[in-house]
Amino acid sequence: MRCLHFCKLPGRVMGIRLLRFTSVVIIVLLLVAGALTALLPNIKDDKMPNLRREPKAQSQPTLDSFTLIMQTYNRTDLLLKLLNHYQAIPRLHKVIVVWNNIGEKVPEEMWNSLGPHPVPVVFKVQAVNRMRNRLQNFPELETKALSRRSTTISPVCFKWEKKHKCCITDLILLMISKAVLMMDDDTLVSAHDLAFAFSVWQQFPEHIVGFVPRKHISTPSGVYSYGSFELQNPGFGNGDQYSMVLIGAAFFHSGYLEDFQRQPEAVYALIDETQNCDDIAMNFLVARHTGKPSGVFVKPVDIRNLEKDTNSGYSGMWHRAEHLLQRSYCVNKLVNIYDGMPLKYSNIMISQFGFPNYANHKNKM
């Protein structure tokens, strides 16, 4: 019996040692947890964060808001429908309606009589029906956030001079406070699509971020053609390429509207001659400014053309037989005006339901 007792002793000793080791590990973990807890900020009950969204005063635009610009002609019924829809878009600060119905009264009285509305609407009556009216540098785009700019930013930076460098954080502040969403007056995009595209634009504020990509193709003769994903360049084998994102459903920085006012007169003459191609000119402008592809394509989940819903009977310019010929004509004219082709190809498509992917003509817009 004594032998048996002593034979079991080593096992008991090992059990005690294991118990002591486990206790030490537990004590160390508790000490570490206590130390980490001590590093957390001390929040009193009266300073607990309020997770409820407070109503945002429309007179005080925030850095993460944007302004919608919509040009309209002979589609008042669609305009009112779209204004009602876009009132519910998150982070929308203001709507500017560019009224190209010369001689006709704006529906402002009707709109205001059916208020109040969560987002203010400003009607800008035009003297001449021009396609490029929507590309004015409207004074309503100025925000108070922009006036509080840092003194570390060179004033030249606000004029988009690339030779001057700005503080990166302040440059982002400038760009986020000046977002523009431009929409055609026959296009409806869902609130989820717009909210997602705006978040993408915040990551690519120097680019046009939108839902409708297009491309140019060079021919052996040196003449360019314009089209959509149906144009295939034999030089590329890995998916589709695009070189433009149309501004009729896109976000971009309002500083480009200021830049547009300083373009060669030949650019304005070309747009007025064709009543077309202002969006192609903006892609040239952005590509020349960045030296990169002008746009980022965001694949929409719900985008609709409401042209058939209007009672006016007015058909968009893209129905004209010469529309695509005009677009190719504009591309070649702009190459001559700017003495070169600044547009660059991209094949990135960003989707809400997955990682960035290559654009594919099988899922074309």
Protein backbone atom coordinates (compact mmCIF):
# COMPACT_ATOMS: atom_id res chain seq x y z
CA MET A 1 0.00 0.00 0.00
CA ARG A 2 2.87 2.39 0.84
CA CYS A 3 4.47 1.65 -2.51
CA LEU A 4 1.22 2.30 -4.31
CA HIS A 5 0.84 5.61 -2.50
CA PHE A 6 4.28 6.80 -3.53
CA CYS A 7 3.75 5.58 -7.11
CA LYS A 8 0.76 7.89 -7.49
CA LEU A 9 2.64 10.92 -6.09
CA PRO A 10 4.33 12.04 -9.36
CA GLY A 11 0.93 12.25 -11.10
CA ARG A 12 -0.44 14.46 -8.34
CA VAL A 13 2.60 16.72 -8.55
CA MET A 14 2.10 17.12 -12.30
CA GLY A 15 -1.58 17.96 -11.77
CA ILE A 16 -0.70 20.64 -9.21
CA ARG A 17 1.88 22.14 -11.57
CA LEU A 18 -0.64 22.21 -14.42
CA LEU A 19 -3.20 23.89 -12.18
CA ARG A 20 -0.68 26.52 -11.12
CA PHE A 21 0.31 27.19 -14.77
CA THR A 22 -3.33 27.58 -15.81
CA SER A 23 -3.95 29.98 -12.94
CA VAL A 24 -0.96 32.09 -13.93
CA VAL A 25 -2.18 32.28 -17.56
CA ILE A 26 -5.65 33.35 -16.43
CA ILE A 27 -4.22 36.03 -14.12
CA VAL A 28 -2.01 37.38 -16.94
CA LEU A 29 -4.98 37.55 -19.33
CA LEU A 30 -7.04 39.39 -16.73
CA LEU A 31 -4.23 41.88 -16.17
CA VAL A 32 -3.90 42.49 -19.93
CA ALA A 33 -7.65 42.96 -20.28
CA GLY A 34 -7.65 45.41 -17.40
CA ALA A 35 -4.82 47.38 -18.95
CA LEU A 36 -6.62 47.61 -22.28
CA THR A 37 -9.82 48.70 -20.56
CA ALA A 38 -7.94 51.47 -18.81
CA LEU A 39 -6.85 52.80 -22.20
CA LEU A 40 -10.42 53.28 -23.38
CA PRO A 41 -11.83 56.84 -23.19
CA ASN A 42 -13.97 57.58 -20.15
CA ILE A 43 -17.46 58.44 -21.47
CA LYS A 44 -19.93 59.80 -19.01
CA ASP A 45 -23.60 59.06 -19.35
CA ASP A 46 -24.39 62.61 -20.37
CA LYS A 47 -21.79 62.40 -23.13
CA MET A 48 -22.87 59.13 -24.64
CA PRO A 49 -22.98 59.39 -28.44
CA ASN A 50 -26.42 59.79 -29.95
CA LEU A 51 -26.74 57.21 -32.71
CA ARG A 52 -29.95 58.70 -34.06
CA ARG A 53 -29.59 60.81 -37.23
CA GLU A 54 -30.33 64.43 -36.44
CA PRO A 55 -32.19 66.46 -39.08
CA LYS A 56 -29.65 68.33 -41.18
CA ALA A 57 -30.21 72.01 -41.75
CA GLN A 58 -30.19 72.58 -45.50
CA SER A 59 -28.65 76.02 -45.09
CA GLN A 60 -25.53 74.45 -43.60
CA PRO A 61 -24.09 72.07 -46.21
CA THR A 62 -21.75 69.45 -44.80
CA LEU A 63 -18.57 68.13 -46.33
CA ASP A 64 -20.28 64.95 -47.42
CA SER A 65 -23.17 66.54 -49.32
CA PHE A 66 -23.63 67.24 -53.01
CA THR A 67 -25.68 69.41 -55.37
CA LEU A 68 -27.85 68.01 -58.14
CA ILE A 69 -27.86 69.84 -61.48
CA MET A 70 -30.59 68.88 -63.94
CA GLN A 71 -31.12 70.59 -67.28
CA THR A 72 -34.61 70.30 -68.74
CA TYR A 73 -36.30 71.07 -72.03
CA ASN A 74 -39.97 70.46 -72.86
CA ARG A 75 -40.43 67.76 -70.19
CA THR A 76 -42.06 69.52 -67.28
CA ASP A 77 -44.11 66.46 -66.32
CA LEU A 78 -40.98 64.29 -66.09
CA LEU A 79 -39.13 67.05 -64.27
CA LEU A 80 -41.69 67.15 -61.45
CA LYS A 81 -41.66 63.37 -61.16
CA LEU A 82 -37.86 63.28 -60.97
CA LEU A 83 -37.67 66.16 -58.50
CA ASN A 84 -40.00 64.26 -56.20
CA HIS A 85 -37.85 61.14 -56.53
CA TYR A 86 -34.52 62.83 -55.92
CA GLN A 87 -35.77 64.66 -52.81
CA ALA A 88 -35.26 61.38 -50.93
CA ILE A 89 -31.62 60.91 -51.94
CA PRO A 90 -29.30 60.84 -48.90
CA ARG A 91 -26.77 63.68 -48.61
CA LEU A 92 -28.42 65.80 -51.30
CA HIS A 93 -28.00 69.44 -50.29
CA LYS A 94 -29.60 71.37 -53.14
CA VAL A 95 -31.15 70.97 -56.60
CA ILE A 96 -30.41 73.36 -59.47
CA VAL A 97 -32.84 73.09 -62.40
CA VAL A 98 -31.46 74.61 -65.61
CA TRP A 99 -34.65 75.78 -67.36
CA ASN A 100 -34.14 75.72 -71.14
CA ASN A 101 -37.83 76.19 -72.01
CA ILE A 102 -37.38 79.67 -73.41
CA GLY A 103 -40.42 81.90 -72.90
CA GLU A 104 -42.25 79.38 -70.69
CA LYS A 105 -43.01 79.92 -67.03
CA VAL A 106 -41.12 77.74 -64.60
CA PRO A 107 -43.24 75.44 -62.39
CA GLU A 108 -41.79 77.02 -59.27
CA GLU A 109 -45.14 78.24 -57.96
CA MET A 110 -46.66 74.77 -58.31
CA TRP A 111 -43.63 73.14 -56.72
CA ASN A 112 -43.64 75.49 -53.73
CA SER A 113 -47.42 75.20 -53.26
CA LEU A 114 -47.03 71.45 -52.72
CA GLY A 115 -44.29 71.85 -50.11
CA PRO A 116 -42.58 71.86 -47.81
CA HIS A 117 -39.80 69.88 -49.44
CA PRO A 118 -36.74 68.46 -47.66
CA VAL A 119 -34.30 69.78 -50.28
CA PRO A 120 -34.47 73.30 -51.77
CA VAL A 121 -34.87 73.61 -55.55
CA VAL A 122 -33.48 76.57 -57.48
CA PHE A 123 -34.74 77.28 -61.02
CA LYS A 124 -32.20 78.94 -63.32
CA VAL A 125 -34.03 80.47 -66.29
CA GLN A 126 -31.90 80.59 -69.44
CA ALA A 127 -32.05 83.20 -72.22
CA VAL A 128 -30.94 80.76 -74.95
CA ASN A 129 -31.54 77.02 -75.29
CA ARG A 130 -28.00 75.67 -75.29
CA MET A 131 -26.75 72.23 -74.42
CA ARG A 132 -23.84 73.70 -72.47
CA ASN A 133 -26.06 75.79 -70.19
CA ARG A 134 -25.78 73.06 -67.56
CA LEU A 135 -22.00 73.48 -67.43
CA GLN A 136 -22.09 76.98 -65.94
CA ASN A 137 -20.28 77.65 -62.69
CA PHE A 138 -23.47 78.45 -60.78
CA PRO A 139 -23.02 80.67 -57.70
CA GLU A 140 -25.35 78.34 -55.77
CA LEU A 141 -22.56 75.75 -55.79
CA GLU A 142 -20.50 77.75 -53.30
CA THR A 143 -20.56 76.28 -49.79
CA LYS A 144 -19.59 77.70 -46.41
CA ALA A 145 -17.36 74.72 -45.85
CA LEU A 146 -15.23 75.87 -48.76
CA SER A 147 -14.78 79.36 -47.30
CA ARG A 148 -13.17 77.83 -44.20
CA ARG A 149 -10.21 76.61 -46.20
CA SER A 150 -6.85 76.21 -44.57
CA THR A 151 -4.18 78.86 -45.05
CA THR A 152 -1.78 76.08 -45.99
CA ILE A 153 -3.51 75.73 -49.37
CA SER A 154 -2.09 77.83 -52.14
CA PRO A 155 -4.83 79.93 -53.77
CA VAL A 156 -3.58 78.62 -57.08
CA CYS A 157 -4.62 75.13 -55.97
CA PHE A 158 -8.22 76.27 -56.12
CA LYS A 159 -7.60 77.03 -59.78
CA TRP A 160 -6.51 73.43 -60.34
CA GLU A 161 -2.94 74.31 -61.30
CA LYS A 162 -1.03 71.04 -61.18
CA LYS A 163 2.33 72.73 -60.75
CA HIS A 164 1.37 73.76 -57.20
CA LYS A 165 0.97 71.17 -54.45
CA CYS A 166 -1.65 71.31 -51.71
CA CYS A 167 -1.86 69.68 -48.33
CA ILE A 168 -3.48 66.30 -49.08
CA THR A 169 -6.03 66.47 -46.27
CA ASP A 170 -7.09 69.99 -47.22
CA LEU A 171 -7.33 69.04 -50.89
CA ILE A 172 -9.71 66.22 -49.98
CA LEU A 173 -11.70 68.70 -47.87
CA LEU A 174 -12.02 70.96 -50.90
CA MET A 175 -13.14 68.15 -53.17
CA ILE A 176 -15.67 66.57 -50.85
CA SER A 177 -17.31 69.94 -50.23
CA LYS A 178 -17.82 70.56 -53.95
CA ALA A 179 -19.50 67.44 -55.30
CA VAL A 180 -21.92 67.75 -58.20
CA LEU A 181 -24.41 65.15 -59.39
CA MET A 182 -25.53 65.86 -62.95
CA MET A 183 -28.62 64.07 -64.27
CA ASP A 184 -30.49 64.13 -67.57
CA ASP A 185 -34.17 65.07 -67.33
CA ASP A 186 -35.32 61.67 -68.62
CA THR A 187 -33.17 59.43 -66.41
CA LEU A 188 -34.12 57.97 -63.04
CA VAL A 189 -31.47 56.31 -60.88
CA SER A 190 -32.34 54.59 -57.61
CA ALA A 191 -31.41 56.14 -54.27
CA HIS A 192 -29.20 53.15 -53.42
CA ASP A 193 -27.27 53.47 -56.69
CA LEU A 194 -26.68 57.18 -56.15
CA ALA A 195 -25.62 56.78 -52.53
CA PHE A 196 -23.16 54.07 -53.54
CA ALA A 197 -21.80 56.05 -56.49
CA PHE A 198 -21.27 59.08 -54.25
CA SER A 199 -19.22 56.95 -51.85
CA VAL A 200 -17.15 55.80 -54.83
CA TRP A 201 -16.67 59.41 -55.98
CA GLN A 202 -15.35 60.30 -52.52
CA GLN A 203 -12.55 57.80 -53.20
CA PHE A 204 -11.96 59.14 -56.74
CA PRO A 205 -12.77 62.87 -56.48
CA GLU A 206 -10.68 63.86 -59.52
CA HIS A 207 -12.69 61.58 -61.81
CA ILE A 208 -16.17 61.49 -63.31
CA VAL A 209 -17.96 58.69 -61.45
CA GLY A 210 -21.06 57.55 -63.25
CA PHE A 211 -23.26 54.88 -64.73
CA VAL A 212 -22.93 55.22 -68.53
CA PRO A 213 -19.51 54.44 -70.06
CA ARG A 214 -18.52 55.11 -73.66
CA LYS A 215 -15.35 54.74 -75.72
CA HIS A 216 -13.40 56.06 -78.65
CA ILE A 217 -11.64 53.84 -81.16
CA SER A 218 -8.67 54.78 -83.30
CA THR A 219 -8.67 53.63 -86.92
CA PRO A 220 -5.65 52.97 -89.19
CA SER A 221 -6.32 56.27 -90.95
CA GLY A 222 -5.92 58.16 -87.67
CA VAL A 223 -9.61 59.12 -87.53
CA TYR A 224 -11.49 58.31 -84.31
CA SER A 225 -14.90 56.68 -83.93
CA TYR A 226 -17.25 57.01 -80.96
CA GLY A 227 -19.47 54.30 -79.55
CA SER A 228 -20.37 51.99 -76.71
CA PHE A 229 -19.23 48.49 -75.80
CA GLU A 230 -20.26 47.24 -79.23
CA LEU A 231 -17.05 48.82 -80.53
CA GLN A 232 -14.27 46.30 -80.06
CA ASN A 233 -10.66 47.25 -80.55
CA PRO A 234 -8.60 44.26 -81.79
CA GLY A 235 -5.65 45.52 -79.78
CA PHE A 236 -7.29 44.63 -76.48
CA GLY A 237 -8.09 41.08 -75.48
CA ASN A 238 -8.86 41.27 -71.76
CA GLY A 239 -12.42 42.47 -71.43
CA ASP A 240 -13.98 45.69 -72.58
CA GLN A 241 -12.43 49.11 -72.40
CA TYR A 242 -14.07 52.48 -71.95
CA SER A 243 -12.55 55.94 -72.17
CA MET A 244 -15.45 58.20 -71.16
CA VAL A 245 -18.21 58.31 -68.54
CA LEU A 246 -21.17 60.44 -69.63
CA ILE A 247 -22.10 63.29 -67.31
CA GLY A 248 -25.85 62.82 -67.80
CA ALA A 249 -25.80 60.43 -64.83
CA ALA A 250 -22.59 61.07 -62.92
CA PHE A 251 -20.78 62.72 -60.02
CA PHE A 252 -17.85 65.05 -60.56
CA HIS A 253 -16.08 67.91 -58.84
CA SER A 254 -17.62 71.34 -59.40
CA GLY A 255 -14.14 72.77 -59.93
CA TYR A 256 -14.37 71.31 -63.42
CA LEU A 257 -17.29 73.64 -64.12
CA GLU A 258 -15.00 76.54 -63.33
CA ASP A 259 -12.37 75.03 -65.62
CA PHE A 260 -14.92 74.68 -68.39
CA GLN A 261 -15.36 78.45 -68.47
CA ARG A 262 -11.70 78.80 -69.50
CA GLN A 263 -11.72 76.43 -72.46
CA PRO A 264 -10.93 77.55 -76.02
CA GLU A 265 -13.78 79.32 -77.79
CA ALA A 266 -13.66 76.60 -80.45
CA VAL A 267 -14.95 74.11 -77.85
CA TYR A 268 -18.03 76.23 -77.14
CA ALA A 269 -18.61 76.79 -80.85
CA LEU A 270 -18.48 73.02 -81.47
CA ILE A 271 -21.05 72.29 -78.75
CA ASP A 272 -23.36 75.07 -79.96
CA GLU A 273 -23.01 73.96 -83.59
CA THR A 274 -24.03 70.39 -82.83
CA GLN A 275 -26.17 70.97 -79.70
CA ASN A 276 -24.28 67.91 -78.55
CA CYS A 277 -20.95 66.70 -77.15
CA ASP A 278 -20.65 68.82 -74.01
CA ASP A 279 -20.15 65.57 -72.09
CA ILE A 280 -17.35 64.49 -74.44
CA ALA A 281 -15.68 67.87 -73.91
CA MET A 282 -15.87 67.40 -70.13
CA ASN A 283 -14.17 64.01 -70.43
CA PHE A 284 -11.39 65.64 -72.47
CA LEU A 285 -11.07 68.32 -69.78
CA VAL A 286 -10.83 65.83 -66.91
CA ALA A 287 -8.41 63.55 -68.75
CA ARG A 288 -6.16 66.52 -69.56
CA HIS A 289 -6.26 67.62 -65.92
CA THR A 290 -5.46 64.24 -64.36
CA GLY A 291 -3.40 62.53 -67.06
CA LYS A 292 -5.48 59.43 -66.22
CA PRO A 293 -8.72 57.86 -67.44
CA SER A 294 -11.40 60.50 -67.08
CA GLY A 295 -14.04 58.31 -65.48
CA VAL A 296 -14.86 55.45 -63.15
CA PHE A 297 -17.75 53.22 -64.19
CA VAL A 298 -20.17 52.19 -61.45
CA LYS A 299 -22.55 49.44 -62.52
CA PRO A 300 -26.11 50.51 -61.64
CA VAL A 301 -28.70 48.17 -60.20
CA ASP A 302 -31.74 50.27 -61.12
CA ILE A 303 -31.48 52.96 -63.81
CA ARG A 304 -34.43 53.82 -66.04
CA ASN A 305 -35.13 55.98 -69.06
CA LEU A 306 -38.51 57.68 -68.59
CA GLU A 307 -38.70 59.32 -71.99
CA LYS A 308 -41.79 57.32 -72.97
CA ASP A 309 -43.59 58.55 -69.84
CA THR A 310 -43.67 62.19 -70.94
CA ASN A 311 -46.76 63.78 -72.50
CA SER A 312 -44.76 66.30 -74.50
CA GLY A 313 -43.85 63.89 -77.27
CA TYR A 314 -40.30 65.28 -77.25
CA SER A 315 -37.64 62.70 -78.15
CA GLY A 316 -34.08 62.98 -76.92
CA MET A 317 -31.24 63.94 -79.22
CA TRP A 318 -29.84 60.44 -79.17
CA HIS A 319 -32.76 59.39 -81.40
CA ARG A 320 -31.50 61.57 -84.24
CA ALA A 321 -30.07 59.67 -87.19
CA GLU A 322 -26.90 61.74 -87.12
CA HIS A 323 -26.34 61.46 -83.36
CA LEU A 324 -23.45 58.96 -83.36
CA LEU A 325 -21.91 60.60 -86.44
CA GLN A 326 -21.95 63.90 -84.58
CA ARG A 327 -20.29 62.30 -81.58
CA SER A 328 -17.47 60.89 -83.72
CA TYR A 329 -17.18 64.28 -85.42
CA CYS A 330 -16.84 65.97 -82.01
CA VAL A 331 -14.12 63.56 -80.84
CA ASN A 332 -12.00 64.34 -83.91
CA LYS A 333 -12.65 68.08 -83.64
CA LEU A 334 -11.65 68.11 -79.97
CA VAL A 335 -8.45 66.23 -80.79
CA ASN A 336 -7.60 69.01 -83.25
CA ILE A 337 -8.55 71.78 -80.80
CA TYR A 338 -6.44 70.33 -77.98
CA ASP A 339 -3.71 69.11 -80.32
CA GLY A 340 -3.83 65.52 -79.14
CA MET A 341 -5.96 62.71 -77.70
CA PRO A 342 -5.98 62.88 -73.88
CA LEU A 343 -8.56 60.10 -73.33
CA LYS A 344 -7.21 56.93 -71.78
CA TYR A 345 -8.81 53.50 -71.50
CA SER A 346 -9.98 51.79 -68.34
CA ASN A 347 -11.68 48.46 -67.76
CA ILE A 348 -12.59 48.86 -64.09
CA MET A 349 -16.23 48.43 -63.14
CA ILE A 350 -17.27 48.94 -59.51
CA SER A 351 -20.37 47.12 -58.31
CA GLN A 352 -22.33 47.23 -55.06
CA PHE A 353 -22.43 43.45 -54.93
CA GLY A 354 -18.81 42.43 -55.21
CA PHE A 355 -15.28 43.58 -55.75
CA PRO A 356 -14.22 45.87 -58.62
CA ASN A 357 -14.31 43.90 -61.82
CA TYR A 358 -13.58 44.25 -65.50
CA ALA A 359 -16.30 45.89 -67.55
CA ASN A 360 -17.99 43.38 -69.80
CA HIS A 361 -19.97 44.12 -72.92
CA LYS A 362 -22.41 41.31 -72.04
CA ASN A 363 -23.62 43.51 -69.18
CA LYS A 364 -23.55 46.72 -71.15
CA MET A 365 -25.58 49.86 -70.54
